[in-house]
Amino acid sequence: MAASENKTERHSAIRELLLASAIASQDQLRKKLARRGYRVTQATLSRDIRELELLKGPDGYALPAGNGASGAAEGDDEDELPSLGELLQSFGLRIQQAQNLLVLITVMGSAQPVAAALDYAGIPEVIGTVAGDNTVLIVCADKRRSGALCERLRALIG
């Protein structure tokens, strides 16, 4: 099927671009893909980013470990993604409870990877997250669970 072949080729091109240079934004990635002949909409590019599980940090987009990003690995530690605790220590600034919701403030541009880490951590209190640029909204089932999680995350932020 031509569409899936194009998607596979586009995903490979995205990986190559990320290995070659830092890419700070979706628009920059879209322009680099266009130079290679891939004309994509923002919605398609967002879907590609999600499917490739790209990480967005202060320096831009990066490939996840095990996705061709590490080259010749010198040790197993370099292949591991940072833990939720490491992300919160590095990027978390403060957290506040509002009933069953938590508002987590991060350094600019870091909310997306922090929210993804929360989503994938399997924390039973977390129903879901919504990330902006420097704010993560964490939805919990009730006020009690929200309070307990707030204290745990506050300890991880330091």
N, C-alpha and C. Protein backbone atom coordinates (compact mmCIF):
# COMPACT_ATOMS: atom_id res chain seq x y z
N MET A 1 0.84 -1.17 0.00
CA MET A 1 0.00 0.00 0.00
C MET A 1 0.89 1.24 0.00
N ALA A 2 0.65 2.17 -0.88
CA ALA A 2 1.51 3.33 -1.06
C ALA A 2 1.52 4.24 0.17
N ALA A 3 0.38 4.43 0.83
CA ALA A 3 0.32 5.34 1.98
C ALA A 3 1.19 4.83 3.12
N SER A 4 1.14 3.53 3.41
CA SER A 4 1.94 3.01 4.51
C SER A 4 3.43 2.98 4.15
N GLU A 5 3.74 2.75 2.86
CA GLU A 5 5.14 2.82 2.44
C GLU A 5 5.66 4.24 2.61
N ASN A 6 4.86 5.23 2.22
CA ASN A 6 5.24 6.62 2.36
C ASN A 6 5.43 6.95 3.84
N LYS A 7 4.56 6.45 4.69
CA LYS A 7 4.65 6.70 6.13
C LYS A 7 5.93 6.08 6.68
N THR A 8 6.24 4.86 6.28
CA THR A 8 7.46 4.19 6.74
C THR A 8 8.69 4.97 6.28
N GLU A 9 8.69 5.40 5.04
CA GLU A 9 9.80 6.19 4.52
C GLU A 9 9.91 7.53 5.24
N ARG A 10 8.76 8.16 5.53
CA ARG A 10 8.75 9.44 6.23
C ARG A 10 9.29 9.27 7.65
N HIS A 11 8.90 8.20 8.33
CA HIS A 11 9.41 7.93 9.67
C HIS A 11 10.93 7.74 9.64
N SER A 12 11.41 7.05 8.63
CA SER A 12 12.87 6.88 8.49
C SER A 12 13.55 8.22 8.27
N ALA A 13 12.93 9.06 7.44
CA ALA A 13 13.50 10.39 7.19
C ALA A 13 13.52 11.23 8.46
N ILE A 14 12.48 11.13 9.27
CA ILE A 14 12.44 11.87 10.54
C ILE A 14 13.57 11.40 11.44
N ARG A 15 13.77 10.08 11.54
CA ARG A 15 14.87 9.55 12.36
C ARG A 15 16.22 10.08 11.88
N GLU A 16 16.41 10.04 10.57
CA GLU A 16 17.68 10.53 10.00
C GLU A 16 17.90 12.01 10.31
N LEU A 17 16.85 12.80 10.16
CA LEU A 17 16.96 14.24 10.44
C LEU A 17 17.33 14.50 11.90
N LEU A 18 16.71 13.75 12.81
CA LEU A 18 17.00 13.94 14.23
C LEU A 18 18.41 13.49 14.60
N LEU A 19 18.91 12.48 13.90
CA LEU A 19 20.28 12.04 14.15
C LEU A 19 21.29 13.04 13.61
N ALA A 20 20.90 13.75 12.54
CA ALA A 20 21.83 14.67 11.87
C ALA A 20 21.96 16.01 12.59
N SER A 21 20.87 16.51 13.15
CA SER A 21 20.93 17.83 13.79
C SER A 21 19.78 18.01 14.77
N ALA A 22 19.93 19.01 15.62
CA ALA A 22 18.88 19.34 16.58
C ALA A 22 17.70 19.97 15.83
N ILE A 23 16.49 19.60 16.21
CA ILE A 23 15.29 20.16 15.62
C ILE A 23 14.43 20.68 16.76
N ALA A 24 14.26 21.99 16.80
CA ALA A 24 13.63 22.64 17.96
C ALA A 24 12.11 22.65 17.93
N SER A 25 11.51 22.56 16.74
CA SER A 25 10.05 22.70 16.67
C SER A 25 9.47 21.80 15.58
N GLN A 26 8.14 21.61 15.65
CA GLN A 26 7.45 20.86 14.61
C GLN A 26 7.57 21.57 13.27
N ASP A 27 7.50 22.89 13.28
CA ASP A 27 7.58 23.63 12.03
C ASP A 27 8.95 23.44 11.37
N GLN A 28 10.00 23.45 12.18
CA GLN A 28 11.34 23.22 11.64
C GLN A 28 11.43 21.81 11.05
N LEU A 29 10.87 20.83 11.74
CA LEU A 29 10.88 19.46 11.24
C LEU A 29 10.07 19.37 9.95
N ARG A 30 8.91 20.03 9.90
CA ARG A 30 8.08 20.02 8.70
C ARG A 30 8.84 20.60 7.51
N LYS A 31 9.56 21.69 7.71
CA LYS A 31 10.33 22.32 6.63
C LYS A 31 11.46 21.42 6.14
N LYS A 32 12.14 20.74 7.08
CA LYS A 32 13.22 19.84 6.68
C LYS A 32 12.67 18.64 5.92
N LEU A 33 11.50 18.15 6.33
CA LEU A 33 10.87 17.05 5.59
C LEU A 33 10.46 17.52 4.20
N ALA A 34 9.96 18.74 4.09
CA ALA A 34 9.55 19.27 2.78
C ALA A 34 10.74 19.33 1.83
N ARG A 35 11.92 19.68 2.34
CA ARG A 35 13.11 19.72 1.50
C ARG A 35 13.48 18.33 0.98
N ARG A 36 13.03 17.31 1.69
CA ARG A 36 13.28 15.93 1.25
C ARG A 36 12.12 15.38 0.42
N GLY A 37 11.12 16.21 0.16
CA GLY A 37 10.01 15.79 -0.67
C GLY A 37 8.80 15.28 0.08
N TYR A 38 8.78 15.40 1.39
CA TYR A 38 7.64 14.95 2.19
C TYR A 38 6.82 16.17 2.59
N ARG A 39 5.69 16.35 1.98
CA ARG A 39 4.79 17.45 2.31
C ARG A 39 3.75 16.90 3.29
N VAL A 40 3.81 17.38 4.54
CA VAL A 40 2.91 16.86 5.57
C VAL A 40 2.19 18.01 6.26
N THR A 41 0.99 17.71 6.74
CA THR A 41 0.24 18.68 7.53
C THR A 41 0.71 18.60 8.98
N GLN A 42 0.33 19.59 9.76
CA GLN A 42 0.69 19.60 11.18
C GLN A 42 0.07 18.39 11.89
N ALA A 43 -1.14 18.02 11.52
CA ALA A 43 -1.80 16.86 12.15
C ALA A 43 -1.04 15.57 11.85
N THR A 44 -0.60 15.41 10.61
CA THR A 44 0.18 14.21 10.23
C THR A 44 1.50 14.19 10.99
N LEU A 45 2.15 15.34 11.07
CA LEU A 45 3.43 15.41 11.77
C LEU A 45 3.26 15.12 13.25
N SER A 46 2.21 15.63 13.87
CA SER A 46 1.94 15.34 15.28
C SER A 46 1.73 13.84 15.49
N ARG A 47 1.02 13.21 14.56
CA ARG A 47 0.79 11.77 14.65
C ARG A 47 2.11 11.01 14.49
N ASP A 48 2.95 11.45 13.56
CA ASP A 48 4.26 10.82 13.38
C ASP A 48 5.09 10.94 14.66
N ILE A 49 5.09 12.11 15.26
CA ILE A 49 5.85 12.34 16.49
C ILE A 49 5.36 11.40 17.59
N ARG A 50 4.06 11.27 17.71
CA ARG A 50 3.48 10.38 18.72
C ARG A 50 3.83 8.92 18.42
N GLU A 51 3.69 8.50 17.16
CA GLU A 51 3.98 7.11 16.79
C GLU A 51 5.45 6.76 16.97
N LEU A 52 6.33 7.71 16.70
CA LEU A 52 7.77 7.48 16.87
C LEU A 52 8.21 7.65 18.32
N GLU A 53 7.26 8.09 19.17
CA GLU A 53 7.51 8.33 20.59
C GLU A 53 8.67 9.29 20.81
N LEU A 54 8.72 10.34 19.96
CA LEU A 54 9.77 11.34 20.09
C LEU A 54 9.62 12.08 21.40
N LEU A 55 10.73 12.46 21.96
CA LEU A 55 10.75 13.21 23.20
C LEU A 55 11.00 14.67 22.88
N LYS A 56 10.37 15.56 23.62
CA LYS A 56 10.59 17.00 23.43
C LYS A 56 11.20 17.54 24.71
N GLY A 57 12.42 18.03 24.60
CA GLY A 57 13.12 18.60 25.74
C GLY A 57 13.51 20.03 25.47
N PRO A 58 14.32 20.60 26.34
CA PRO A 58 14.73 22.00 26.17
C PRO A 58 15.48 22.26 24.87
N ASP A 59 16.16 21.24 24.33
CA ASP A 59 16.92 21.42 23.09
C ASP A 59 16.15 21.00 21.85
N GLY A 60 14.90 20.59 22.01
CA GLY A 60 14.09 20.19 20.87
C GLY A 60 13.74 18.71 20.91
N TYR A 61 13.44 18.16 19.74
CA TYR A 61 13.01 16.77 19.64
C TYR A 61 14.19 15.82 19.67
N ALA A 62 13.95 14.63 20.25
CA ALA A 62 14.97 13.59 20.32
C ALA A 62 14.30 12.24 20.15
N LEU A 63 15.06 11.31 19.63
CA LEU A 63 14.58 9.94 19.49
C LEU A 63 14.62 9.24 20.85
N PRO A 64 13.65 8.36 21.12
CA PRO A 64 13.72 7.59 22.36
C PRO A 64 14.85 6.57 22.28
N ALA A 65 15.30 6.10 23.42
CA ALA A 65 16.34 5.07 23.44
C ALA A 65 15.83 3.83 22.71
N GLY A 66 16.74 3.15 22.01
CA GLY A 66 16.36 1.94 21.28
C GLY A 66 15.74 2.24 19.93
N ASN A 67 15.75 3.50 19.51
CA ASN A 67 15.14 3.87 18.24
C ASN A 67 16.18 4.44 17.28
N GLY A 68 17.42 3.97 17.43
CA GLY A 68 18.48 4.40 16.55
C GLY A 68 19.16 5.67 17.00
N ALA A 69 18.88 6.15 18.19
CA ALA A 69 19.43 7.42 18.62
C ALA A 69 20.76 7.31 19.32
N SER A 70 21.11 6.15 19.80
CA SER A 70 22.27 6.07 20.68
C SER A 70 23.57 5.72 19.99
N GLY A 71 23.55 5.28 18.76
CA GLY A 71 24.79 4.92 18.08
C GLY A 71 25.46 3.77 18.78
N ALA A 72 26.78 3.87 18.99
CA ALA A 72 27.52 2.83 19.69
C ALA A 72 27.40 3.07 21.19
N ALA A 73 26.65 2.24 21.85
CA ALA A 73 26.43 2.42 23.29
C ALA A 73 27.65 1.96 24.06
N GLU A 74 28.05 2.81 25.02
CA GLU A 74 29.18 2.45 25.87
C GLU A 74 28.72 1.77 27.14
N GLY A 75 27.48 2.03 27.53
CA GLY A 75 26.97 1.41 28.75
C GLY A 75 25.47 1.34 28.69
N ASP A 76 24.89 0.46 29.49
CA ASP A 76 23.44 0.30 29.47
C ASP A 76 22.72 1.54 29.96
N ASP A 77 23.33 2.33 30.86
CA ASP A 77 22.67 3.50 31.41
C ASP A 77 22.33 4.51 30.34
N GLU A 78 23.13 4.62 29.29
CA GLU A 78 22.88 5.60 28.25
C GLU A 78 21.66 5.24 27.41
N ASP A 79 21.25 3.99 27.38
CA ASP A 79 20.12 3.56 26.58
C ASP A 79 18.79 3.73 27.29
N GLU A 80 18.79 4.01 28.58
CA GLU A 80 17.56 4.09 29.34
C GLU A 80 16.98 5.50 29.29
N LEU A 81 15.66 5.57 29.19
CA LEU A 81 14.99 6.86 29.27
C LEU A 81 15.05 7.33 30.72
N PRO A 82 15.04 8.64 30.95
CA PRO A 82 15.06 9.12 32.33
C PRO A 82 13.79 8.71 33.06
N SER A 83 13.92 8.48 34.34
CA SER A 83 12.77 8.10 35.16
C SER A 83 11.92 9.33 35.45
N LEU A 84 10.72 9.10 35.94
CA LEU A 84 9.85 10.19 36.32
C LEU A 84 10.54 11.06 37.37
N GLY A 85 11.20 10.44 38.33
CA GLY A 85 11.91 11.19 39.36
C GLY A 85 13.00 12.07 38.79
N GLU A 86 13.75 11.54 37.84
CA GLU A 86 14.82 12.33 37.20
C GLU A 86 14.24 13.51 36.43
N LEU A 87 13.14 13.27 35.72
CA LEU A 87 12.50 14.36 34.98
C LEU A 87 11.98 15.44 35.92
N LEU A 88 11.36 15.02 37.02
CA LEU A 88 10.83 16.00 37.96
C LEU A 88 11.95 16.78 38.65
N GLN A 89 13.05 16.11 38.97
CA GLN A 89 14.18 16.81 39.58
C GLN A 89 14.79 17.81 38.61
N SER A 90 14.85 17.45 37.33
CA SER A 90 15.46 18.31 36.33
C SER A 90 14.55 19.43 35.86
N PHE A 91 13.26 19.14 35.69
CA PHE A 91 12.36 20.08 35.05
C PHE A 91 11.22 20.58 35.92
N GLY A 92 10.89 19.88 37.01
CA GLY A 92 9.78 20.29 37.86
C GLY A 92 10.14 21.49 38.71
N LEU A 93 9.22 22.45 38.80
CA LEU A 93 9.45 23.64 39.63
C LEU A 93 8.58 23.63 40.87
N ARG A 94 7.27 23.38 40.69
CA ARG A 94 6.36 23.34 41.84
C ARG A 94 5.08 22.62 41.44
N ILE A 95 4.32 22.22 42.46
CA ILE A 95 3.06 21.53 42.22
C ILE A 95 2.04 22.03 43.23
N GLN A 96 0.78 22.13 42.78
CA GLN A 96 -0.27 22.61 43.65
C GLN A 96 -1.53 21.78 43.41
N GLN A 97 -2.24 21.51 44.50
CA GLN A 97 -3.48 20.75 44.41
C GLN A 97 -4.67 21.68 44.31
N ALA A 98 -5.66 21.31 43.50
CA ALA A 98 -6.95 21.99 43.39
C ALA A 98 -8.02 20.91 43.32
N GLN A 99 -8.53 20.53 44.46
CA GLN A 99 -9.50 19.43 44.57
C GLN A 99 -8.88 18.12 44.05
N ASN A 100 -9.46 17.54 43.01
CA ASN A 100 -8.92 16.29 42.47
C ASN A 100 -7.90 16.53 41.35
N LEU A 101 -7.51 17.78 41.16
CA LEU A 101 -6.55 18.13 40.11
C LEU A 101 -5.23 18.58 40.71
N LEU A 102 -4.16 18.32 39.98
CA LEU A 102 -2.85 18.83 40.35
C LEU A 102 -2.34 19.68 39.19
N VAL A 103 -1.73 20.79 39.52
CA VAL A 103 -1.12 21.65 38.51
C VAL A 103 0.38 21.63 38.77
N LEU A 104 1.12 21.06 37.84
CA LEU A 104 2.57 20.91 37.94
C LEU A 104 3.22 21.91 36.99
N ILE A 105 4.05 22.80 37.54
CA ILE A 105 4.74 23.79 36.74
C ILE A 105 6.16 23.27 36.47
N THR A 106 6.57 23.32 35.20
CA THR A 106 7.89 22.86 34.80
C THR A 106 8.66 24.02 34.17
N VAL A 107 9.93 23.78 33.88
CA VAL A 107 10.67 24.77 33.11
C VAL A 107 10.07 24.82 31.71
N MET A 108 10.26 25.94 31.03
CA MET A 108 9.66 26.16 29.72
C MET A 108 10.03 25.04 28.74
N GLY A 109 9.01 24.50 28.07
CA GLY A 109 9.22 23.48 27.05
C GLY A 109 9.33 22.06 27.58
N SER A 110 9.12 21.85 28.87
CA SER A 110 9.34 20.53 29.46
C SER A 110 8.07 19.81 29.89
N ALA A 111 6.92 20.43 29.74
CA ALA A 111 5.69 19.82 30.21
C ALA A 111 5.35 18.53 29.46
N GLN A 112 5.60 18.49 28.15
CA GLN A 112 5.25 17.31 27.35
C GLN A 112 5.97 16.04 27.82
N PRO A 113 7.31 16.05 27.96
CA PRO A 113 7.96 14.82 28.42
C PRO A 113 7.58 14.44 29.84
N VAL A 114 7.35 15.43 30.70
CA VAL A 114 6.94 15.13 32.07
C VAL A 114 5.56 14.48 32.07
N ALA A 115 4.63 15.03 31.29
CA ALA A 115 3.28 14.45 31.19
C ALA A 115 3.34 13.03 30.63
N ALA A 116 4.16 12.83 29.61
CA ALA A 116 4.29 11.48 29.03
C ALA A 116 4.83 10.51 30.07
N ALA A 117 5.82 10.94 30.84
CA ALA A 117 6.37 10.07 31.89
C ALA A 117 5.31 9.73 32.93
N LEU A 118 4.49 10.71 33.29
CA LEU A 118 3.39 10.45 34.23
C LEU A 118 2.39 9.46 33.64
N ASP A 119 2.07 9.63 32.36
CA ASP A 119 1.12 8.74 31.70
C ASP A 119 1.64 7.29 31.65
N TYR A 120 2.93 7.14 31.38
CA TYR A 120 3.50 5.79 31.21
C TYR A 120 3.96 5.16 32.51
N ALA A 121 3.98 5.94 33.60
CA ALA A 121 4.47 5.42 34.88
C ALA A 121 3.51 4.44 35.53
N GLY A 122 2.27 4.43 35.10
CA GLY A 122 1.30 3.49 35.68
C GLY A 122 0.91 3.85 37.10
N ILE A 123 0.90 5.12 37.44
CA ILE A 123 0.52 5.57 38.78
C ILE A 123 -0.99 5.46 38.90
N PRO A 124 -1.48 4.65 39.85
CA PRO A 124 -2.93 4.40 39.92
C PRO A 124 -3.77 5.65 40.17
N GLU A 125 -3.23 6.66 40.83
CA GLU A 125 -3.99 7.87 41.11
C GLU A 125 -4.22 8.72 39.85
N VAL A 126 -3.37 8.55 38.85
CA VAL A 126 -3.45 9.40 37.65
C VAL A 126 -4.46 8.82 36.66
N ILE A 127 -5.50 9.62 36.40
CA ILE A 127 -6.47 9.24 35.37
C ILE A 127 -5.97 9.69 34.01
N GLY A 128 -5.36 10.88 33.98
CA GLY A 128 -4.82 11.40 32.74
C GLY A 128 -4.11 12.72 32.96
N THR A 129 -3.43 13.17 31.92
CA THR A 129 -2.70 14.43 31.99
C THR A 129 -2.98 15.26 30.75
N VAL A 130 -2.82 16.57 30.90
CA VAL A 130 -2.88 17.50 29.78
C VAL A 130 -1.65 18.39 29.92
N ALA A 131 -0.85 18.49 28.86
CA ALA A 131 0.39 19.26 28.94
C ALA A 131 0.33 20.48 28.03
N GLY A 132 0.83 21.56 28.57
CA GLY A 132 1.04 22.76 27.78
C GLY A 132 2.53 22.89 27.52
N ASP A 133 3.06 24.08 27.60
CA ASP A 133 4.49 24.29 27.39
C ASP A 133 5.26 24.15 28.70
N ASN A 134 4.72 24.71 29.77
CA ASN A 134 5.39 24.61 31.07
C ASN A 134 4.44 24.21 32.19
N THR A 135 3.26 23.69 31.83
CA THR A 135 2.27 23.31 32.82
C THR A 135 1.68 21.95 32.48
N VAL A 136 1.60 21.08 33.50
CA VAL A 136 0.94 19.79 33.33
C VAL A 136 -0.26 19.75 34.27
N LEU A 137 -1.43 19.50 33.72
CA LEU A 137 -2.63 19.29 34.52
C LEU A 137 -2.77 17.79 34.74
N ILE A 138 -2.80 17.37 35.99
CA ILE A 138 -2.91 15.95 36.32
C ILE A 138 -4.29 15.73 36.92
N VAL A 139 -5.07 14.84 36.34
CA VAL A 139 -6.41 14.55 36.80
C VAL A 139 -6.37 13.27 37.63
N CYS A 140 -6.88 13.37 38.86
CA CYS A 140 -6.97 12.22 39.77
C CYS A 140 -8.45 11.91 40.01
N ALA A 141 -8.71 10.72 40.55
CA ALA A 141 -10.09 10.29 40.75
C ALA A 141 -10.81 11.10 41.83
N ASP A 142 -10.10 11.47 42.88
CA ASP A 142 -10.74 12.22 43.96
C ASP A 142 -9.71 13.06 44.71
N LYS A 143 -10.20 13.87 45.63
CA LYS A 143 -9.36 14.82 46.36
C LYS A 143 -8.32 14.11 47.23
N ARG A 144 -8.71 13.00 47.85
CA ARG A 144 -7.79 12.27 48.73
C ARG A 144 -6.60 11.73 47.94
N ARG A 145 -6.87 11.09 46.82
CA ARG A 145 -5.79 10.55 45.98
C ARG A 145 -4.92 11.66 45.40
N SER A 146 -5.57 12.75 45.06
CA SER A 146 -4.84 13.89 44.53
C SER A 146 -3.86 14.44 45.58
N GLY A 147 -4.31 14.53 46.82
CA GLY A 147 -3.45 15.03 47.90
C GLY A 147 -2.25 14.12 48.14
N ALA A 148 -2.50 12.83 48.15
CA ALA A 148 -1.40 11.87 48.37
C ALA A 148 -0.38 11.94 47.24
N LEU A 149 -0.87 12.01 46.01
CA LEU A 149 0.03 12.09 44.87
C LEU A 149 0.79 13.42 44.87
N CYS A 150 0.12 14.49 45.25
CA CYS A 150 0.77 15.80 45.31
C CYS A 150 1.99 15.74 46.23
N GLU A 151 1.84 15.14 47.39
CA GLU A 151 2.96 15.05 48.34
C GLU A 151 4.10 14.20 47.78
N ARG A 152 3.77 13.08 47.11
CA ARG A 152 4.82 12.23 46.52
C ARG A 152 5.57 12.97 45.43
N LEU A 153 4.84 13.66 44.56
CA LEU A 153 5.48 14.38 43.47
C LEU A 153 6.28 15.57 43.99
N ARG A 154 5.77 16.23 45.02
CA ARG A 154 6.49 17.36 45.62
C ARG A 154 7.84 16.89 46.17
N ALA A 155 7.85 15.71 46.78
CA ALA A 155 9.11 15.14 47.30
C ALA A 155 10.08 14.84 46.16
N LEU A 156 9.57 14.37 45.01
CA LEU A 156 10.43 14.09 43.87
C LEU A 156 10.99 15.36 43.25
N ILE A 157 10.20 16.43 43.25
CA ILE A 157 10.67 17.72 42.71
C ILE A 157 11.82 18.25 43.58
N GLY A 158 11.69 18.05 44.89
CA GLY A 158 12.76 18.46 45.82
C GLY A 158 12.62 19.81 46.38
